Every structure is written in structure tokens, then in C-alpha cells.
Amino acid sequence: MYPRAYIQFLVHFHGDRDYFECHEVLEEYWKKTDSRNKDSIWVGLILLAVSTYHHRRKNFKGAIRTLQKALTILKKQEDSVKKLGLDYVQLLQIVQERLNLITSEQLYRSFNIPISDPHLLDLCFATCDQLKFQWGKDSDLTNINLVQRHKLRDRTNVIQERKQSLKMRKEADL
């Protein structure tokens, strides 16, 4: 009923609070299914995770910018949000509260995405159990591998993709 990548996104968001992985998992899915749609619900959720990652690192400017984009998309996606088993009204309220928190440069606090479908919640709990994650546990702010993950990853593929894209653009201009 729900895409596997979406379940993984929710499990990482609530289980190990690995917002970087949330972004990775859902971006891959979005690119395969709806990549031309910048207003996709997937993009809204990706931006929510990215903003939360920035906020946790005290990058308030990046967190505000990405959360504003997420909010704009989510407001347009009421039907999609509901189809994904989320409480639309509560989600928008939480996102707005997060935006206010970040704008006033208050420190990060873990939060949950409001899931309204009990079946989805059961799927997430079962997946958390399999992965040995604890659903809803606060983020470990002392875990450098979690908080600064973007600095620690292998960027070889990203660099290669950017070089290839630049080469293609240059060739197209000739």
C-alpha cells in the first residue's frame, strides 16, 4: 500500500533520527517515480528532512529556506498527504511551529510527523524493531556520525555526476 522508500523515510525520521538518510532514501524514490515534479509530495517530505538536518546543526538560514519550501509544497498536497496516512492539519501546524522555532533561532528538538493510519504506524514499528531502532527516541546530539553526516560521506559519485552534467551542458552549448 505504501512505497518501501516511504516506510524507510519514516523509520529513519522517527527511529534513528538520521535525516540525511531520510533525504537519500526518498530522493532516490522521487527520481525514479516523479523527478520532473518539483511540487511533488516527495519533495516536500525530503525538504522537511533536510530542514530538520540543518536545524539540528544550527544552520538556521538553511533550515528556514528549506522548511519554507517544504511548507509551500505541503500546502498544495493535501490529498497526497492524506493518502500517505498523515494528518494534514496537524502536519501543517507542526511545520509552521518548526518554522517559528527556527526563525527565532531556538535549538533543535526532536519531533514526530503525525501519522493517522494505524496500519502505517504498525509497519513503521515493525521495521524499527527489525533494525533495532527505538521509535520516537530523541536525537543523539553527541553522535557526530549522525549530526555531521554530510561531511563524513564519500562524495565520489556526487562529484562525478556534477562533472558529467557540466560536460554535457558544455557540449550542448557548442
N, C-alpha and C. Protein backbone atom coordinates (compact mmCIF):
# COMPACT_ATOMS: atom_id res chain seq x y z
N MET A 1 0.82 -1.20 0.00
CA MET A 1 0.00 0.00 0.00
C MET A 1 0.87 1.27 0.00
N TYR A 2 1.93 1.29 0.79
CA TYR A 2 2.85 2.42 0.85
C TYR A 2 4.18 2.01 0.24
N PRO A 3 4.84 2.92 -0.47
CA PRO A 3 6.15 2.59 -1.04
C PRO A 3 7.16 2.27 0.06
N ARG A 4 7.99 1.31 -0.23
CA ARG A 4 9.02 0.88 0.74
C ARG A 4 9.91 2.06 1.15
N ALA A 5 10.27 2.90 0.18
CA ALA A 5 11.12 4.05 0.47
C ALA A 5 10.46 5.01 1.47
N TYR A 6 9.15 5.12 1.37
CA TYR A 6 8.41 5.98 2.29
C TYR A 6 8.46 5.42 3.71
N ILE A 7 8.29 4.12 3.83
CA ILE A 7 8.39 3.47 5.15
C ILE A 7 9.80 3.70 5.72
N GLN A 8 10.81 3.51 4.88
CA GLN A 8 12.19 3.73 5.32
C GLN A 8 12.40 5.18 5.77
N PHE A 9 11.84 6.10 5.00
CA PHE A 9 11.93 7.52 5.37
C PHE A 9 11.36 7.73 6.78
N LEU A 10 10.15 7.23 7.01
CA LEU A 10 9.51 7.42 8.31
C LEU A 10 10.29 6.74 9.44
N VAL A 11 10.82 5.57 9.16
CA VAL A 11 11.59 4.83 10.17
C VAL A 11 12.86 5.59 10.54
N HIS A 12 13.55 6.11 9.55
CA HIS A 12 14.75 6.89 9.85
C HIS A 12 14.40 8.22 10.53
N PHE A 13 13.31 8.83 10.12
CA PHE A 13 12.90 10.11 10.71
C PHE A 13 12.59 9.94 12.20
N HIS A 14 11.91 8.86 12.55
CA HIS A 14 11.46 8.65 13.93
C HIS A 14 12.29 7.65 14.72
N GLY A 15 13.01 6.78 14.02
CA GLY A 15 13.73 5.71 14.69
C GLY A 15 15.15 6.08 15.09
N ASP A 16 16.00 6.37 14.10
CA ASP A 16 17.38 6.74 14.42
C ASP A 16 17.65 8.22 14.20
N ARG A 17 16.62 8.96 13.75
CA ARG A 17 16.71 10.40 13.53
C ARG A 17 17.82 10.75 12.53
N ASP A 18 18.01 9.86 11.55
CA ASP A 18 19.01 10.08 10.51
C ASP A 18 18.34 10.81 9.35
N TYR A 19 18.26 12.13 9.47
CA TYR A 19 17.55 12.95 8.48
C TYR A 19 18.28 12.96 7.14
N PHE A 20 19.59 12.79 7.19
CA PHE A 20 20.35 12.70 5.95
C PHE A 20 19.92 11.47 5.16
N GLU A 21 19.77 10.36 5.87
CA GLU A 21 19.33 9.12 5.22
C GLU A 21 17.89 9.25 4.72
N CYS A 22 17.06 9.97 5.46
CA CYS A 22 15.69 10.24 5.01
C CYS A 22 15.73 10.87 3.63
N HIS A 23 16.57 11.87 3.51
CA HIS A 23 16.73 12.58 2.23
C HIS A 23 17.19 11.63 1.14
N GLU A 24 18.21 10.84 1.42
CA GLU A 24 18.78 9.93 0.43
C GLU A 24 17.74 8.92 -0.07
N VAL A 25 17.06 8.29 0.86
CA VAL A 25 16.09 7.23 0.53
C VAL A 25 14.94 7.78 -0.31
N LEU A 26 14.38 8.89 0.12
CA LEU A 26 13.22 9.43 -0.57
C LEU A 26 13.59 10.13 -1.87
N GLU A 27 14.76 10.73 -1.92
CA GLU A 27 15.18 11.37 -3.17
C GLU A 27 15.36 10.32 -4.28
N GLU A 28 15.95 9.21 -3.93
CA GLU A 28 16.13 8.13 -4.92
C GLU A 28 14.76 7.66 -5.45
N TYR A 29 13.81 7.51 -4.54
CA TYR A 29 12.46 7.10 -4.94
C TYR A 29 11.81 8.16 -5.83
N TRP A 30 11.91 9.42 -5.43
CA TRP A 30 11.32 10.52 -6.19
C TRP A 30 11.91 10.58 -7.60
N LYS A 31 13.22 10.42 -7.70
CA LYS A 31 13.87 10.48 -9.01
C LYS A 31 13.37 9.37 -9.94
N LYS A 32 13.03 8.23 -9.36
CA LYS A 32 12.54 7.10 -10.17
C LYS A 32 11.07 7.25 -10.56
N THR A 33 10.30 7.98 -9.75
CA THR A 33 8.85 7.98 -9.95
C THR A 33 8.25 9.31 -10.40
N ASP A 34 8.88 10.44 -10.04
CA ASP A 34 8.22 11.72 -10.25
C ASP A 34 9.24 12.86 -10.37
N SER A 35 10.39 12.59 -10.95
CA SER A 35 11.53 13.51 -10.87
C SER A 35 11.31 14.88 -11.51
N ARG A 36 10.41 14.98 -12.44
CA ARG A 36 10.18 16.28 -13.08
C ARG A 36 9.25 17.19 -12.26
N ASN A 37 8.62 16.62 -11.26
CA ASN A 37 7.64 17.35 -10.46
C ASN A 37 8.29 17.93 -9.21
N LYS A 38 8.63 19.20 -9.27
CA LYS A 38 9.28 19.87 -8.13
C LYS A 38 8.28 20.17 -7.00
N ASP A 39 6.99 20.03 -7.28
CA ASP A 39 5.96 20.22 -6.26
C ASP A 39 5.42 18.90 -5.73
N SER A 40 6.14 17.83 -5.98
CA SER A 40 5.75 16.50 -5.53
C SER A 40 5.73 16.43 -4.00
N ILE A 41 4.83 15.63 -3.49
CA ILE A 41 4.79 15.39 -2.04
C ILE A 41 6.13 14.86 -1.56
N TRP A 42 6.79 14.08 -2.42
CA TRP A 42 8.11 13.52 -2.05
C TRP A 42 9.11 14.64 -1.82
N VAL A 43 9.08 15.66 -2.66
CA VAL A 43 9.99 16.79 -2.49
C VAL A 43 9.67 17.53 -1.19
N GLY A 44 8.39 17.69 -0.89
CA GLY A 44 8.00 18.33 0.37
C GLY A 44 8.55 17.59 1.58
N LEU A 45 8.45 16.27 1.56
CA LEU A 45 8.95 15.47 2.68
C LEU A 45 10.48 15.47 2.73
N ILE A 46 11.11 15.43 1.56
CA ILE A 46 12.58 15.50 1.50
C ILE A 46 13.05 16.82 2.13
N LEU A 47 12.41 17.91 1.73
CA LEU A 47 12.80 19.22 2.26
C LEU A 47 12.55 19.33 3.77
N LEU A 48 11.51 18.68 4.26
CA LEU A 48 11.26 18.64 5.70
C LEU A 48 12.44 17.98 6.41
N ALA A 49 12.91 16.86 5.87
CA ALA A 49 14.05 16.17 6.47
C ALA A 49 15.33 17.00 6.37
N VAL A 50 15.55 17.63 5.22
CA VAL A 50 16.75 18.45 5.03
C VAL A 50 16.74 19.63 6.00
N SER A 51 15.59 20.27 6.14
CA SER A 51 15.48 21.38 7.07
C SER A 51 15.79 20.93 8.51
N THR A 52 15.28 19.78 8.87
CA THR A 52 15.50 19.27 10.21
C THR A 52 16.97 18.94 10.43
N TYR A 53 17.62 18.41 9.40
CA TYR A 53 19.06 18.15 9.45
C TYR A 53 19.82 19.46 9.68
N HIS A 54 19.48 20.50 8.91
CA HIS A 54 20.14 21.81 9.07
C HIS A 54 19.88 22.39 10.46
N HIS A 55 18.65 22.30 10.91
CA HIS A 55 18.30 22.86 12.22
C HIS A 55 19.13 22.20 13.32
N ARG A 56 19.23 20.89 13.27
CA ARG A 56 19.99 20.16 14.30
C ARG A 56 21.46 20.63 14.32
N ARG A 57 21.99 21.03 13.16
CA ARG A 57 23.37 21.50 13.04
C ARG A 57 23.50 23.00 13.30
N LYS A 58 22.39 23.64 13.68
CA LYS A 58 22.33 25.08 13.95
C LYS A 58 22.56 25.92 12.70
N ASN A 59 22.28 25.35 11.54
CA ASN A 59 22.31 26.10 10.30
C ASN A 59 20.90 26.67 10.11
N PHE A 60 20.62 27.75 10.81
CA PHE A 60 19.27 28.31 10.83
C PHE A 60 18.86 28.84 9.46
N LYS A 61 19.77 29.48 8.76
CA LYS A 61 19.45 30.03 7.44
C LYS A 61 19.02 28.92 6.48
N GLY A 62 19.80 27.84 6.41
CA GLY A 62 19.47 26.71 5.55
C GLY A 62 18.18 26.03 5.98
N ALA A 63 17.99 25.93 7.28
CA ALA A 63 16.77 25.29 7.81
C ALA A 63 15.53 26.09 7.45
N ILE A 64 15.61 27.41 7.58
CA ILE A 64 14.47 28.26 7.25
C ILE A 64 14.13 28.16 5.77
N ARG A 65 15.15 28.29 4.93
CA ARG A 65 14.94 28.28 3.48
C ARG A 65 14.29 26.97 3.03
N THR A 66 14.80 25.83 3.50
CA THR A 66 14.25 24.55 3.06
C THR A 66 12.88 24.28 3.68
N LEU A 67 12.67 24.72 4.90
CA LEU A 67 11.36 24.47 5.53
C LEU A 67 10.28 25.35 4.89
N GLN A 68 10.62 26.55 4.49
CA GLN A 68 9.64 27.39 3.79
C GLN A 68 9.21 26.73 2.47
N LYS A 69 10.18 26.17 1.76
CA LYS A 69 9.87 25.47 0.51
C LYS A 69 9.00 24.24 0.80
N ALA A 70 9.35 23.50 1.85
CA ALA A 70 8.57 22.32 2.22
C ALA A 70 7.13 22.71 2.53
N LEU A 71 6.96 23.77 3.30
CA LEU A 71 5.62 24.21 3.69
C LEU A 71 4.80 24.62 2.47
N THR A 72 5.41 25.32 1.54
CA THR A 72 4.72 25.72 0.31
C THR A 72 4.21 24.50 -0.45
N ILE A 73 5.06 23.49 -0.56
CA ILE A 73 4.67 22.27 -1.28
C ILE A 73 3.58 21.52 -0.51
N LEU A 74 3.78 21.34 0.79
CA LEU A 74 2.82 20.57 1.58
C LEU A 74 1.43 21.20 1.57
N LYS A 75 1.38 22.52 1.55
CA LYS A 75 0.07 23.20 1.49
C LYS A 75 -0.68 22.85 0.21
N LYS A 76 0.04 22.56 -0.87
CA LYS A 76 -0.58 22.22 -2.16
C LYS A 76 -0.93 20.74 -2.25
N GLN A 77 -0.51 19.95 -1.30
CA GLN A 77 -0.59 18.49 -1.43
C GLN A 77 -1.49 17.83 -0.40
N GLU A 78 -2.59 18.46 -0.05
CA GLU A 78 -3.47 17.91 0.99
C GLU A 78 -3.88 16.47 0.68
N ASP A 79 -4.36 16.20 -0.52
CA ASP A 79 -4.79 14.84 -0.87
C ASP A 79 -3.64 13.84 -0.76
N SER A 80 -2.48 14.21 -1.26
CA SER A 80 -1.32 13.31 -1.21
C SER A 80 -0.89 13.04 0.22
N VAL A 81 -0.90 14.07 1.05
CA VAL A 81 -0.53 13.90 2.46
C VAL A 81 -1.47 12.91 3.13
N LYS A 82 -2.75 13.07 2.89
CA LYS A 82 -3.75 12.18 3.49
C LYS A 82 -3.60 10.75 2.96
N LYS A 83 -3.33 10.60 1.65
CA LYS A 83 -3.13 9.26 1.07
C LYS A 83 -1.91 8.56 1.64
N LEU A 84 -0.97 9.34 2.14
CA LEU A 84 0.22 8.77 2.75
C LEU A 84 0.03 8.48 4.24
N GLY A 85 -1.21 8.56 4.70
CA GLY A 85 -1.52 8.18 6.08
C GLY A 85 -1.11 9.19 7.12
N LEU A 86 -0.98 10.45 6.70
CA LEU A 86 -0.59 11.50 7.62
C LEU A 86 -1.78 12.42 7.92
N ASP A 87 -1.73 13.05 9.08
CA ASP A 87 -2.74 14.01 9.48
C ASP A 87 -2.32 15.36 8.89
N TYR A 88 -3.03 15.80 7.86
CA TYR A 88 -2.67 17.01 7.10
C TYR A 88 -2.67 18.26 7.98
N VAL A 89 -3.73 18.49 8.72
CA VAL A 89 -3.85 19.70 9.54
C VAL A 89 -2.75 19.74 10.59
N GLN A 90 -2.55 18.62 11.25
CA GLN A 90 -1.52 18.55 12.29
C GLN A 90 -0.12 18.72 11.69
N LEU A 91 0.12 18.14 10.51
CA LEU A 91 1.42 18.27 9.87
C LEU A 91 1.72 19.73 9.56
N LEU A 92 0.77 20.44 8.96
CA LEU A 92 0.99 21.85 8.65
C LEU A 92 1.23 22.67 9.91
N GLN A 93 0.50 22.34 10.96
CA GLN A 93 0.67 23.04 12.23
C GLN A 93 2.08 22.81 12.78
N ILE A 94 2.53 21.58 12.75
CA ILE A 94 3.88 21.25 13.24
C ILE A 94 4.95 21.94 12.41
N VAL A 95 4.79 21.92 11.10
CA VAL A 95 5.78 22.55 10.22
C VAL A 95 5.83 24.05 10.49
N GLN A 96 4.68 24.69 10.66
CA GLN A 96 4.66 26.12 10.97
C GLN A 96 5.31 26.40 12.32
N GLU A 97 5.04 25.56 13.31
CA GLU A 97 5.66 25.71 14.62
C GLU A 97 7.18 25.56 14.52
N ARG A 98 7.62 24.60 13.70
CA ARG A 98 9.06 24.39 13.50
C ARG A 98 9.68 25.63 12.83
N LEU A 99 8.98 26.18 11.87
CA LEU A 99 9.48 27.37 11.18
C LEU A 99 9.63 28.54 12.17
N ASN A 100 8.66 28.71 13.04
CA ASN A 100 8.74 29.76 14.07
C ASN A 100 9.90 29.51 15.02
N LEU A 101 10.09 28.28 15.40
CA LEU A 101 11.18 27.88 16.29
C LEU A 101 12.54 28.20 15.66
N ILE A 102 12.68 27.82 14.41
CA ILE A 102 13.95 28.03 13.70
C ILE A 102 14.19 29.51 13.45
N THR A 103 13.15 30.23 13.06
CA THR A 103 13.27 31.67 12.78
C THR A 103 13.76 32.42 14.02
N SER A 104 13.32 31.99 15.17
CA SER A 104 13.78 32.63 16.42
C SER A 104 15.07 31.99 16.95
N GLU A 105 15.69 31.17 16.12
CA GLU A 105 16.98 30.52 16.39
C GLU A 105 16.99 29.73 17.70
N GLN A 106 15.87 29.08 17.97
CA GLN A 106 15.84 28.17 19.11
C GLN A 106 16.47 26.85 18.70
N LEU A 107 17.07 26.18 19.65
CA LEU A 107 17.77 24.95 19.36
C LEU A 107 16.82 23.82 18.93
N TYR A 108 17.37 22.91 18.17
CA TYR A 108 16.65 21.74 17.65
C TYR A 108 16.09 20.91 18.79
N ARG A 109 14.89 20.41 18.57
CA ARG A 109 14.26 19.40 19.42
C ARG A 109 13.64 18.37 18.49
N SER A 110 13.77 17.11 18.84
CA SER A 110 13.17 16.06 18.03
C SER A 110 11.65 16.22 18.01
N PHE A 111 11.04 15.80 16.90
CA PHE A 111 9.59 15.84 16.77
C PHE A 111 9.16 14.70 15.87
N ASN A 112 7.89 14.41 15.89
CA ASN A 112 7.34 13.33 15.07
C ASN A 112 6.40 13.87 14.01
N ILE A 113 6.40 13.22 12.88
CA ILE A 113 5.45 13.50 11.82
C ILE A 113 4.14 12.83 12.23
N PRO A 114 3.01 13.53 12.18
CA PRO A 114 1.75 12.95 12.66
C PRO A 114 1.17 11.90 11.70
N ILE A 115 1.27 10.66 12.10
CA ILE A 115 0.75 9.54 11.31
C ILE A 115 -0.66 9.23 11.79
N SER A 116 -1.61 9.22 10.86
CA SER A 116 -3.00 8.97 11.23
C SER A 116 -3.45 7.54 10.92
N ASP A 117 -2.73 6.83 10.07
CA ASP A 117 -3.10 5.47 9.67
C ASP A 117 -2.45 4.45 10.62
N PRO A 118 -3.26 3.75 11.42
CA PRO A 118 -2.70 2.77 12.36
C PRO A 118 -1.90 1.65 11.67
N HIS A 119 -2.33 1.28 10.46
CA HIS A 119 -1.62 0.24 9.69
C HIS A 119 -0.21 0.72 9.34
N LEU A 120 -0.09 1.96 8.91
CA LEU A 120 1.21 2.54 8.60
C LEU A 120 2.09 2.59 9.84
N LEU A 121 1.51 2.98 10.93
CA LEU A 121 2.26 3.03 12.19
C LEU A 121 2.77 1.64 12.58
N ASP A 122 1.92 0.61 12.42
CA ASP A 122 2.34 -0.77 12.70
C ASP A 122 3.50 -1.19 11.80
N LEU A 123 3.43 -0.83 10.51
CA LEU A 123 4.52 -1.14 9.58
C LEU A 123 5.83 -0.48 10.03
N CYS A 124 5.72 0.76 10.44
CA CYS A 124 6.90 1.50 10.89
C CYS A 124 7.48 0.90 12.18
N PHE A 125 6.62 0.57 13.12
CA PHE A 125 7.08 -0.05 14.37
C PHE A 125 7.79 -1.37 14.09
N ALA A 126 7.21 -2.19 13.23
CA ALA A 126 7.81 -3.49 12.91
C ALA A 126 9.17 -3.30 12.25
N THR A 127 9.28 -2.33 11.35
CA THR A 127 10.56 -2.07 10.69
C THR A 127 11.59 -1.55 11.68
N CYS A 128 11.17 -0.69 12.58
CA CYS A 128 12.06 -0.20 13.64
C CYS A 128 12.58 -1.36 14.48
N ASP A 129 11.69 -2.25 14.85
CA ASP A 129 12.10 -3.42 15.64
C ASP A 129 13.15 -4.24 14.90
N GLN A 130 12.92 -4.47 13.61
CA GLN A 130 13.88 -5.23 12.81
C GLN A 130 15.25 -4.57 12.77
N LEU A 131 15.26 -3.26 12.71
CA LEU A 131 16.51 -2.50 12.61
C LEU A 131 17.11 -2.16 13.97
N LYS A 132 16.41 -2.55 15.02
CA LYS A 132 16.84 -2.26 16.39
C LYS A 132 16.85 -0.75 16.68
N PHE A 133 15.88 -0.03 16.09
CA PHE A 133 15.69 1.39 16.36
C PHE A 133 14.57 1.52 17.38
N GLN A 134 14.60 2.59 18.13
CA GLN A 134 13.52 2.89 19.07
C GLN A 134 12.70 4.04 18.51
N TRP A 135 11.46 3.76 18.18
CA TRP A 135 10.56 4.76 17.59
C TRP A 135 10.38 5.93 18.56
N GLY A 136 10.59 7.13 18.07
CA GLY A 136 10.30 8.34 18.84
C GLY A 136 11.38 8.76 19.81
N LYS A 137 12.48 8.05 19.84
CA LYS A 137 13.58 8.41 20.74
C LYS A 137 14.19 9.74 20.27
N ASP A 138 14.59 10.57 21.22
CA ASP A 138 15.20 11.84 20.86
C ASP A 138 16.52 11.61 20.12
N SER A 139 16.85 12.57 19.30
CA SER A 139 18.09 12.53 18.52
C SER A 139 19.29 12.58 19.46
N ASP A 140 20.32 11.81 19.13
CA ASP A 140 21.56 11.82 19.89
C ASP A 140 22.45 12.93 19.34
N LEU A 141 22.42 14.07 19.99
CA LEU A 141 23.16 15.24 19.52
C LEU A 141 24.67 15.10 19.68
N THR A 142 25.11 14.09 20.39
CA THR A 142 26.56 13.87 20.56
C THR A 142 27.12 12.94 19.49
N ASN A 143 26.25 12.34 18.68
CA ASN A 143 26.68 11.40 17.65
C ASN A 143 27.11 12.17 16.40
N ILE A 144 28.41 12.38 16.25
CA ILE A 144 28.96 13.16 15.13
C ILE A 144 28.63 12.51 13.79
N ASN A 145 28.55 11.18 13.76
CA ASN A 145 28.22 10.49 12.51
C ASN A 145 26.79 10.77 12.06
N LEU A 146 25.96 11.13 12.97
CA LEU A 146 24.57 11.47 12.67
C LEU A 146 24.42 12.97 12.38
N VAL A 147 24.99 13.78 13.23
CA VAL A 147 24.81 15.23 13.16
C VAL A 147 25.60 15.85 11.99
N GLN A 148 26.76 15.33 11.70
CA GLN A 148 27.61 15.88 10.64
C GLN A 148 27.79 14.90 9.48
N ARG A 149 26.80 14.13 9.22
CA ARG A 149 26.92 13.04 8.24
C ARG A 149 27.35 13.51 6.86
N HIS A 150 26.90 14.66 6.43
CA HIS A 150 27.25 15.15 5.09
C HIS A 150 28.75 15.38 4.94
N LYS A 151 29.43 15.67 6.03
CA LYS A 151 30.88 15.90 5.98
C LYS A 151 31.67 14.59 5.96
N LEU A 152 31.05 13.52 6.39
CA LEU A 152 31.75 12.26 6.56
C LEU A 152 31.52 11.27 5.42
N ARG A 153 30.62 11.58 4.51
CA ARG A 153 30.26 10.64 3.46
C ARG A 153 31.25 10.66 2.29
N ASP A 154 31.23 9.61 1.53
CA ASP A 154 32.02 9.53 0.30
C ASP A 154 31.28 10.28 -0.79
N ARG A 155 31.88 11.35 -1.30
CA ARG A 155 31.22 12.19 -2.29
C ARG A 155 31.69 11.91 -3.71
N THR A 156 32.39 10.82 -3.94
CA THR A 156 32.93 10.50 -5.25
C THR A 156 31.85 10.48 -6.32
N ASN A 157 30.75 9.81 -6.06
CA ASN A 157 29.66 9.72 -7.05
C ASN A 157 29.04 11.09 -7.34
N VAL A 158 28.87 11.90 -6.30
CA VAL A 158 28.28 13.22 -6.48
C VAL A 158 29.17 14.08 -7.36
N ILE A 159 30.46 14.04 -7.08
CA ILE A 159 31.43 14.83 -7.86
C ILE A 159 31.45 14.36 -9.31
N GLN A 160 31.44 13.06 -9.52
CA GLN A 160 31.43 12.51 -10.88
C GLN A 160 30.17 12.92 -11.64
N GLU A 161 29.01 12.86 -10.97
CA GLU A 161 27.75 13.26 -11.61
C GLU A 161 27.77 14.73 -11.99
N ARG A 162 28.31 15.58 -11.13
CA ARG A 162 28.39 17.01 -11.42
C ARG A 162 29.31 17.28 -12.60
N LYS A 163 30.46 16.59 -12.65
CA LYS A 163 31.39 16.76 -13.77
C LYS A 163 30.74 16.33 -15.08
N GLN A 164 30.03 15.21 -15.04
CA GLN A 164 29.35 14.70 -16.24
C GLN A 164 28.27 15.68 -16.70
N SER A 165 27.52 16.21 -15.76
CA SER A 165 26.47 17.18 -16.08
C SER A 165 27.07 18.44 -16.69
N LEU A 166 28.15 18.93 -16.13
CA LEU A 166 28.83 20.11 -16.66
C LEU A 166 29.35 19.85 -18.07
N LYS A 167 29.92 18.69 -18.27
CA LYS A 167 30.44 18.32 -19.59
C LYS A 167 29.31 18.30 -20.62
N MET A 168 28.16 17.72 -20.25
CA MET A 168 27.03 17.64 -21.15
C MET A 168 26.49 19.04 -21.49
N ARG A 169 26.46 19.93 -20.49
CA ARG A 169 25.99 21.29 -20.74
C ARG A 169 26.94 22.03 -21.69
N LYS A 170 28.23 21.84 -21.48
CA LYS A 170 29.22 22.49 -22.35
C LYS A 170 29.10 21.98 -23.79
N GLU A 171 28.91 20.67 -23.93
CA GLU A 171 28.74 20.08 -25.25
C GLU A 171 27.46 20.57 -25.94
N ALA A 172 26.44 20.78 -25.17
CA ALA A 172 25.17 21.27 -25.71
C ALA A 172 25.30 22.72 -26.18
N ASP A 173 26.17 23.49 -25.53
CA ASP A 173 26.37 24.89 -25.91
C ASP A 173 27.19 25.05 -27.19
N LEU A 174 27.92 24.00 -27.60
CA LEU A 174 28.77 24.09 -28.80
C LEU A 174 28.00 24.12 -30.07
